[in-house]
C-alpha atoms as a PDB file:
ATOM      1  CA  MET A   1      -0.568 -23.378 -91.633  1.00  0.00           C
ATOM      2  CA  THR A   2       2.189 -25.474 -90.830  1.00  0.00           C
ATOM      3  CA  LEU A   3       2.914 -27.582 -87.556  1.00  0.00           C
ATOM      4  CA  ASN A   4       5.775 -25.354 -86.420  1.00  0.00           C
ATOM      5  CA  ARG A   5       3.522 -22.159 -86.237  1.00  0.00           C
ATOM      6  CA  VAL A   6       0.842 -24.070 -84.409  1.00  0.00           C
ATOM      7  CA  LEU A   7       3.151 -25.309 -81.929  1.00  0.00           C
ATOM      8  CA  THR A   8       4.584 -21.884 -81.319  1.00  0.00           C
ATOM      9  CA  GLY A   9       1.241 -20.262 -81.200  1.00  0.00           C
ATOM     10  CA  THR A  10      -0.005 -22.545 -78.391  1.00  0.00           C
ATOM     11  CA  GLY A  11       3.044 -22.144 -76.520  1.00  0.00           C
ATOM     12  CA  ALA A  12       2.846 -18.665 -76.643  1.00  0.00           C
ATOM     13  CA  ALA A  13      -0.786 -18.919 -75.338  1.00  0.00           C
ATOM     14  CA  ALA A  14       0.251 -21.026 -72.534  1.00  0.00           C
ATOM     15  CA  LEU A  15       2.811 -18.666 -71.270  1.00  0.00           C
ATOM     16  CA  ALA A  16       0.288 -15.958 -71.439  1.00  0.00           C
ATOM     17  CA  VAL A  17      -2.164 -18.209 -69.243  1.00  0.00           C
ATOM     18  CA  VAL A  18       0.609 -18.976 -66.740  1.00  0.00           C
ATOM     19  CA  ALA A  19       1.715 -15.127 -66.340  1.00  0.00           C
ATOM     20  CA  LEU A  20      -1.827 -13.714 -66.014  1.00  0.00           C
ATOM     21  CA  ALA A  21      -2.596 -16.404 -63.122  1.00  0.00           C
ATOM     22  CA  ALA A  22       0.741 -15.245 -61.516  1.00  0.00           C
ATOM     23  CA  CYS A  23      -0.324 -11.686 -61.699  1.00  0.00           C
ATOM     24  CA  GLY A  24      -3.531 -12.777 -60.342  1.00  0.00           C
ATOM     25  CA  SER A  25      -2.025 -14.509 -57.109  1.00  0.00           C
ATOM     26  CA  GLU A  26       0.357 -11.622 -56.555  1.00  0.00           C
ATOM     27  CA  GLN A  27      -2.328  -9.132 -56.693  1.00  0.00           C
ATOM     28  CA  ALA A  28      -4.739 -11.475 -54.148  1.00  0.00           C
ATOM     29  CA  GLY A  29      -1.876 -12.095 -51.699  1.00  0.00           C
ATOM     30  CA  GLY A  30      -1.188  -8.089 -51.754  1.00  0.00           C
ATOM     31  CA  ARG A  31      -4.985  -7.421 -51.114  1.00  0.00           C
ATOM     32  CA  GLN A  32      -5.089  -9.881 -48.415  1.00  0.00           C
ATOM     33  CA  GLN A  33      -1.625  -8.643 -46.606  1.00  0.00           C
ATOM     34  CA  ASN A  34      -3.012  -5.028 -46.589  1.00  0.00           C
ATOM     35  CA  THR A  35      -6.625  -6.205 -45.311  1.00  0.00           C
ATOM     36  CA  ALA A  36      -4.665  -8.028 -42.435  1.00  0.00           C
ATOM     37  CA  ASN A  37      -2.560  -4.693 -41.913  1.00  0.00           C
ATOM     38  CA  SER A  38      -5.699  -2.868 -41.920  1.00  0.00           C
ATOM     39  CA  VAL A  39      -7.319  -5.032 -39.112  1.00  0.00           C
ATOM     40  CA  GLY A  40      -4.086  -5.118 -37.160  1.00  0.00           C
ATOM     41  CA  ALA A  41      -3.855  -1.285 -37.117  1.00  0.00           C
ATOM     42  CA  GLN A  42      -7.196  -0.747 -36.401  1.00  0.00           C
ATOM     43  CA  ALA A  43      -7.496  -3.279 -33.315  1.00  0.00           C
ATOM     44  CA  PRO A  44      -7.833  -1.162 -30.241  1.00  0.00           C
ATOM     45  CA  ALA A  45      -5.060  -1.736 -27.228  1.00  0.00           C
ATOM     46  CA  ASN A  46      -7.117  -3.179 -24.533  1.00  0.00           C
ATOM     47  CA  SER A  47      -5.252  -2.464 -22.017  1.00  0.00           C
ATOM     48  CA  PRO A  48      -6.717  -2.922 -18.423  1.00  0.00           C
ATOM     49  CA  SER A  49      -7.741  -0.057 -16.063  1.00  0.00           C
ATOM     50  CA  PRO A  50      -6.449   0.081 -12.773  1.00  0.00           C
ATOM     51  CA  ASP A  51      -8.770  -1.189  -9.818  1.00  0.00           C
ATOM     52  CA  PRO A  52      -9.914   2.167  -8.189  1.00  0.00           C
ATOM     53  CA  GLN A  53      -9.112   0.547  -4.696  1.00  0.00           C
ATOM     54  CA  VAL A  54      -5.505  -0.652  -5.579  1.00  0.00           C
ATOM     55  CA  ALA A  55      -4.704   3.078  -7.093  1.00  0.00           C
ATOM     56  CA  PHE A  56      -6.532   4.332  -3.427  1.00  0.00           C
ATOM     57  CA  MET A  57      -3.999   2.426  -1.578  1.00  0.00           C
ATOM     58  CA  GLU A  58      -1.182   3.151  -3.700  1.00  0.00           C
ATOM     59  CA  MET A  59      -1.870   6.991  -3.441  1.00  0.00           C
ATOM     60  CA  LEU A  60      -2.290   6.855   0.360  1.00  0.00           C
ATOM     61  CA  GLU A  61       1.427   4.853   0.654  1.00  0.00           C
ATOM     62  CA  ARG A  62       2.954   7.538  -1.591  1.00  0.00           C
ATOM     63  CA  VAL A  63       1.653  10.502   0.291  1.00  0.00           C
ATOM     64  CA  GLY A  64       2.456   8.919   3.766  1.00  0.00           C
ATOM     65  CA  ALA A  65       5.900   8.116   2.610  1.00  0.00           C
ATOM     66  CA  PRO A  66       7.923  10.981   3.850  1.00  0.00           C
ATOM     67  CA  CYS A  67       6.171  10.396   7.246  1.00  0.00           C
ATOM     68  CA  MET A  68       7.359   6.662   7.803  1.00  0.00           C
ATOM     69  CA  PRO A  69      10.425   6.161  10.039  1.00  0.00           C
ATOM     70  CA  ASP A  70      13.547   4.246   9.072  1.00  0.00           C
ATOM     71  CA  ALA A  71      13.634   0.955   9.812  1.00  0.00           C
ATOM     72  CA  PRO A  72      15.181  -0.023  13.218  1.00  0.00           C
ATOM     73  CA  ALA A  73      18.584  -1.334  12.750  1.00  0.00           C
ATOM     74  CA  ALA A  74      18.726  -5.079  13.824  1.00  0.00           C
ATOM     75  CA  THR A  75      20.589  -5.857  17.273  1.00  0.00           C
ATOM     76  CA  GLU A  76      22.793  -8.723  17.941  1.00  0.00           C
ATOM     77  CA  PRO A  77      21.658 -11.295  20.543  1.00  0.00           C
ATOM     78  CA  HIS A  78      23.813 -10.536  23.709  1.00  0.00           C
ATOM     79  CA  ASP A  79      25.876 -13.589  24.450  1.00  0.00           C
ATOM     80  CA  PRO A  80      26.360 -13.991  28.455  1.00  0.00           C
ATOM     81  CA  GLY A  81      29.841 -13.543  29.346  1.00  0.00           C
ATOM     82  CA  PRO A  82      31.916 -15.492  32.089  1.00  0.00           C
ATOM     83  CA  GLY A  83      30.065 -15.463  35.423  1.00  0.00           C
ATOM     84  CA  GLU A  84      26.855 -14.281  33.712  1.00  0.00           C
ATOM     85  CA  HIS A  85      23.634 -16.251  33.709  1.00  0.00           C
ATOM     86  CA  PRO A  86      20.627 -15.686  31.853  1.00  0.00           C
ATOM     87  CA  PRO A  87      17.321 -14.598  33.755  1.00  0.00           C
ATOM     88  CA  THR A  88      15.032 -17.971  34.033  1.00  0.00           C
ATOM     89  CA  ARG A  89      12.340 -16.657  36.205  1.00  0.00           C
ATOM     90  CA  PRO A  90      10.941 -12.983  36.857  1.00  0.00           C
ATOM     91  CA  SER A  91      12.871 -10.802  39.318  1.00  0.00           C
ATOM     92  CA  GLU A  92       9.490 -10.074  41.633  1.00  0.00           C
ATOM     93  CA  LEU A  93       7.220 -12.802  42.043  1.00  0.00           C
ATOM     94  CA  LEU A  94       3.802 -12.458  43.073  1.00  0.00           C
ATOM     95  CA  PRO A  95       2.537 -13.046  46.742  1.00  0.00           C
ATOM     96  CA  VAL A  96       0.622 -16.283  46.921  1.00  0.00           C
ATOM     97  CA  ASP A  97      -2.726 -14.679  47.937  1.00  0.00           C
ATOM     98  CA  GLU A  98      -2.390 -12.003  45.023  1.00  0.00           C
ATOM     99  CA  LYS A  99      -3.674 -12.803  41.675  1.00  0.00           C
ATOM    100  CA  PRO A 100      -2.214 -11.221  38.514  1.00  0.00           C
ATOM    101  CA  PRO A 101      -4.318  -8.191  36.815  1.00  0.00           C
ATOM    102  CA  THR A 102      -6.557  -8.603  34.142  1.00  0.00           C
ATOM    103  CA  ASP A 103      -7.368  -6.206  31.320  1.00  0.00           C
ATOM    104  CA  VAL A 104     -11.156  -6.407  31.062  1.00  0.00           C
ATOM    105  CA  PRO A 105     -12.415  -3.052  31.592  1.00  0.00           C
ATOM    106  CA  SER A 106     -14.988  -2.180  34.092  1.00  0.00           C
ATOM    107  CA  PRO A 107     -18.474  -1.908  32.567  1.00  0.00           C
ATOM    108  CA  THR A 108     -18.754   1.495  33.882  1.00  0.00           C
ATOM    109  CA  ALA A 109     -15.533   2.868  32.927  1.00  0.00           C
ATOM    110  CA  THR A 110     -15.821   5.436  29.843  1.00  0.00           C
ATOM    111  CA  PRO A 111     -14.041   4.138  26.817  1.00  0.00           C
ATOM    112  CA  GLU A 112     -10.781   5.881  25.691  1.00  0.00           C
ATOM    113  CA  GLN A 113     -11.117   8.266  23.009  1.00  0.00           C
ATOM    114  CA  PRO A 114      -8.787   6.869  20.188  1.00  0.00           C
ATOM    115  CA  LYS A 115      -5.504   9.019  19.379  1.00  0.00           C
ATOM    116  CA  LEU A 116      -3.441   9.550  16.315  1.00  0.00           C
ATOM    117  CA  ASN A 117       0.115   8.325  16.435  1.00  0.00           C
ATOM    118  CA  GLU A 118       3.005  10.295  15.424  1.00  0.00           C
ATOM    119  CA  VAL A 119       2.963   8.746  11.768  1.00  0.00           C
ATOM    120  CA  GLU A 120      -0.805   8.787  11.147  1.00  0.00           C
ATOM    121  CA  ALA A 121      -0.695  12.952  12.476  1.00  0.00           C
ATOM    122  CA  CYS A 122       2.229  13.501   9.743  1.00  0.00           C
ATOM    123  CA  GLU A 123       0.095  11.531   7.163  1.00  0.00           C
ATOM    124  CA  GLY A 124      -2.871  13.685   8.225  1.00  0.00           C
ATOM    125  CA  ARG A 125      -0.761  16.984   7.599  1.00  0.00           C
ATOM    126  CA  GLU A 126       0.399  15.890   4.148  1.00  0.00           C
ATOM    127  CA  HIS A 127      -3.039  14.733   3.059  1.00  0.00           C
ATOM    128  CA  GLY A 128      -4.331  18.236   4.414  1.00  0.00           C
ATOM    129  CA  LYS A 129      -1.783  20.262   2.610  1.00  0.00           C
ATOM    130  CA  ARG A 130      -2.522  18.591  -1.059  1.00  0.00           C
ATOM    131  CA  ILE A 131      -6.410  18.777  -0.607  1.00  0.00           C
ATOM    132  CA  THR A 132      -6.194  22.503   0.418  1.00  0.00           C
ATOM    133  CA  LYS A 133      -4.117  23.412  -2.440  1.00  0.00           C
ATOM    134  CA  VAL A 134      -6.503  22.316  -4.920  1.00  0.00           C
ATOM    135  CA  LEU A 135      -9.958  23.251  -3.061  1.00  0.00           C
ATOM    136  CA  THR A 136      -8.656  26.922  -2.432  1.00  0.00           C
ATOM    137  CA  GLY A 137      -9.754  29.426  -4.914  1.00  0.00           C
ATOM    138  CA  LEU A 138     -12.888  27.824  -6.236  1.00  0.00           C
ATOM    139  CA  ASN A 139     -15.689  30.230  -6.639  1.00  0.00           C
ATOM    140  CA  LYS A 140     -18.827  29.138  -4.524  1.00  0.00           C
ATOM    141  CA  PRO A 141     -17.481  25.555  -4.404  1.00  0.00           C
ATOM    142  CA  THR A 142     -20.371  22.845  -4.919  1.00  0.00           C
ATOM    143  CA  THR A 143     -20.360  19.295  -3.679  1.00  0.00           C
ATOM    144  CA  ILE A 144     -19.900  18.101  -7.479  1.00  0.00           C
ATOM    145  CA  GLN A 145     -16.638  20.469  -7.726  1.00  0.00           C
ATOM    146  CA  VAL A 146     -15.329  19.552  -4.422  1.00  0.00           C
ATOM    147  CA  ARG A 147     -16.077  15.510  -5.049  1.00  0.00           C
ATOM    148  CA  GLN A 148     -14.415  15.884  -8.435  1.00  0.00           C
ATOM    149  CA  LYS A 149     -11.446  17.433  -7.084  1.00  0.00           C
ATOM    150  CA  LEU A 150     -11.047  14.839  -4.397  1.00  0.00           C
ATOM    151  CA  ASN A 151     -11.364  11.875  -7.172  1.00  0.00           C
ATOM    152  CA  LYS A 152      -9.093  13.745  -9.217  1.00  0.00           C
ATOM    153  CA  LEU A 153      -6.508  13.436  -6.110  1.00  0.00           C
ATOM    154  CA  GLY A 154      -7.011   9.730  -6.056  1.00  0.00           C
ATOM    155  CA  TYR A 155      -9.562   9.796  -3.174  1.00  0.00           C
ATOM    156  CA  ILE A 156     -12.457   7.443  -3.846  1.00  0.00           C
ATOM    157  CA  ASP A 157     -16.101   7.640  -3.504  1.00  0.00           C
ATOM    158  CA  SER A 158     -16.162   5.327  -0.740  1.00  0.00           C
ATOM    159  CA  SER A 159     -13.737   7.398   1.239  1.00  0.00           C
ATOM    160  CA  ILE A 160     -15.727  10.399   1.061  1.00  0.00           C
ATOM    161  CA  HIS A 161     -18.395  10.877   3.612  1.00  0.00           C
ATOM    162  CA  GLY A 162     -20.638  13.763   4.682  1.00  0.00           C
ATOM    163  CA  LEU A 163     -20.624  15.839   1.582  1.00  0.00           C
ATOM    164  CA  LYS A 164     -23.104  18.690   2.054  1.00  0.00           C
ATOM    165  CA  THR A 165     -23.333  22.567   1.573  1.00  0.00           C
ATOM    166  CA  GLU A 166     -23.865  24.775   4.762  1.00  0.00           C
ATOM    167  CA  GLN A 167     -24.009  28.281   4.544  1.00  0.00           C
ATOM    168  CA  GLY A 168     -22.116  28.808   1.500  1.00  0.00           C
ATOM    169  CA  ALA A 169     -19.264  26.238   2.479  1.00  0.00           C
ATOM    170  CA  VAL A 170     -18.805  22.596   1.464  1.00  0.00           C
ATOM    171  CA  ARG A 171     -18.196  19.901   4.152  1.00  0.00           C
ATOM    172  CA  PHE A 172     -16.943  16.921   3.932  1.00  0.00           C
ATOM    173  CA  CYS A 173     -15.090  13.832   5.924  1.00  0.00           C
ATOM    174  CA  LEU A 174     -12.537  11.475   4.503  1.00  0.00           C
ATOM    175  CA  ASP A 175     -12.150   7.749   5.734  1.00  0.00           C
ATOM    176  CA  LEU A 176      -8.324   6.776   5.284  1.00  0.00           C
ATOM    177  CA  ARG A 177      -8.393   3.794   7.870  1.00  0.00           C
ATOM    178  CA  VAL A 178      -6.311   0.999   6.408  1.00  0.00           C
ATOM    179  CA  MET A 179      -4.544  -1.799   8.027  1.00  0.00           C
ATOM    180  CA  GLY A 180      -5.782  -1.234  11.702  1.00  0.00           C
ATOM    181  CA  GLY A 181      -5.022   2.565  11.178  1.00  0.00           C
ATOM    182  CA  GLN A 182      -7.353   5.530  12.672  1.00  0.00           C
ATOM    183  CA  LEU A 183      -6.570   8.573  10.222  1.00  0.00           C
ATOM    184  CA  ALA A 184      -9.717  10.681   9.122  1.00  0.00           C
ATOM    185  CA  LEU A 185     -10.107  13.894   8.113  1.00  0.00           C
ATOM    186  CA  LYS A 186     -12.601  16.560   8.314  1.00  0.00           C
ATOM    187  CA  GLY A 187     -12.677  19.408   5.611  1.00  0.00           C
ATOM    188  CA  THR A 188     -14.669  22.861   4.735  1.00  0.00           C
ATOM    189  CA  ALA A 189     -14.235  24.542   1.457  1.00  0.00           C
ATOM    190  CA  ALA A 190     -15.509  27.976   1.373  1.00  0.00           C
ATOM    191  CA  GLY A 191     -13.666  29.812  -1.366  1.00  0.00           C
ATOM    192  CA  LYS A 192     -10.532  31.373  -0.747  1.00  0.00           C
ATOM    193  CA  GLN A 193     -10.526  29.405   3.029  1.00  0.00           C
ATOM    194  CA  THR A 194     -10.134  25.914   3.161  1.00  0.00           C
ATOM    195  CA  THR A 195      -9.520  24.213   6.430  1.00  0.00           C
ATOM    196  CA  MET A 196      -8.561  20.435   7.031  1.00  0.00           C
ATOM    197  CA  ARG A 197      -8.447  18.757  10.290  1.00  0.00           C
ATOM    198  CA  ALA A 198      -7.186  15.326  11.062  1.00  0.00           C
ATOM    199  CA  PHE A 199      -8.547  13.441  13.596  1.00  0.00           C
ATOM    200  CA  ALA A 200      -8.834   9.646  15.012  1.00  0.00           C
ATOM    201  CA  HIS A 201     -11.326   7.485  14.370  1.00  0.00           C
ATOM    202  CA  PRO A 202     -11.845   3.875  15.906  1.00  0.00           C
ATOM    203  CA  ALA A 203     -10.059   1.121  13.585  1.00  0.00           C
ATOM    204  CA  GLU A 204     -13.211  -0.906  13.796  1.00  0.00           C
ATOM    205  CA  GLY A 205     -16.703  -0.347  12.616  1.00  0.00           C
ATOM    206  CA  ALA A 206     -18.697   1.531  10.485  1.00  0.00           C
ATOM    207  CA  PHE A 207     -17.355   5.263   9.616  1.00  0.00           C
ATOM    208  CA  LYS A 208     -19.327   7.974  12.021  1.00  0.00           C
ATOM    209  CA  PRO A 209     -17.244  10.785  12.378  1.00  0.00           C
ATOM    210  CA  GLY A 210     -19.893  12.785  14.570  1.00  0.00           C
ATOM    211  CA  LYS A 211     -19.870  16.485  14.700  1.00  0.00           C
END
């Protein structure tokens, strides 16, 4: 064997080793890339679920939107004209011996019953219509069915009170008091007959709709 043949054989072997190493690196890199893509594809999208209370408030705002009056136009301040002077004291003064009236109610006075204002009365009608639509036609409604229907409309469990069955009908109340409001509803689901009535409940204190 000549020296040239030995050198030629050695060079060819070295080239083969380099080629095999490069091929192995490409295959390993491809497997790593495929694994990374597979992991990325299988990773679930952890989107946060909406807070029930926030969703409830958004539903109330959405349902009551048609009842909100337009914002009043801003009025320009009145500048007194020539010869006009702004009032600097009350037009009528109390006599010296007379004391100003107080707002303290008499201990024997009957507490005034709360009343819905125009906006709350309108909101009550809007809520009543959408609830009546989904509850009417339930065949022998149960408390579970009614709660599920109300939940699907956006009324959370903490707003549903007195859910019970009486004489084949499901009765319930909804506490919709928010931000000092007094809106509440009473409902009855009885198959083809569903009735909803809005009423005022004191804004403060626990929800006690009574009879």
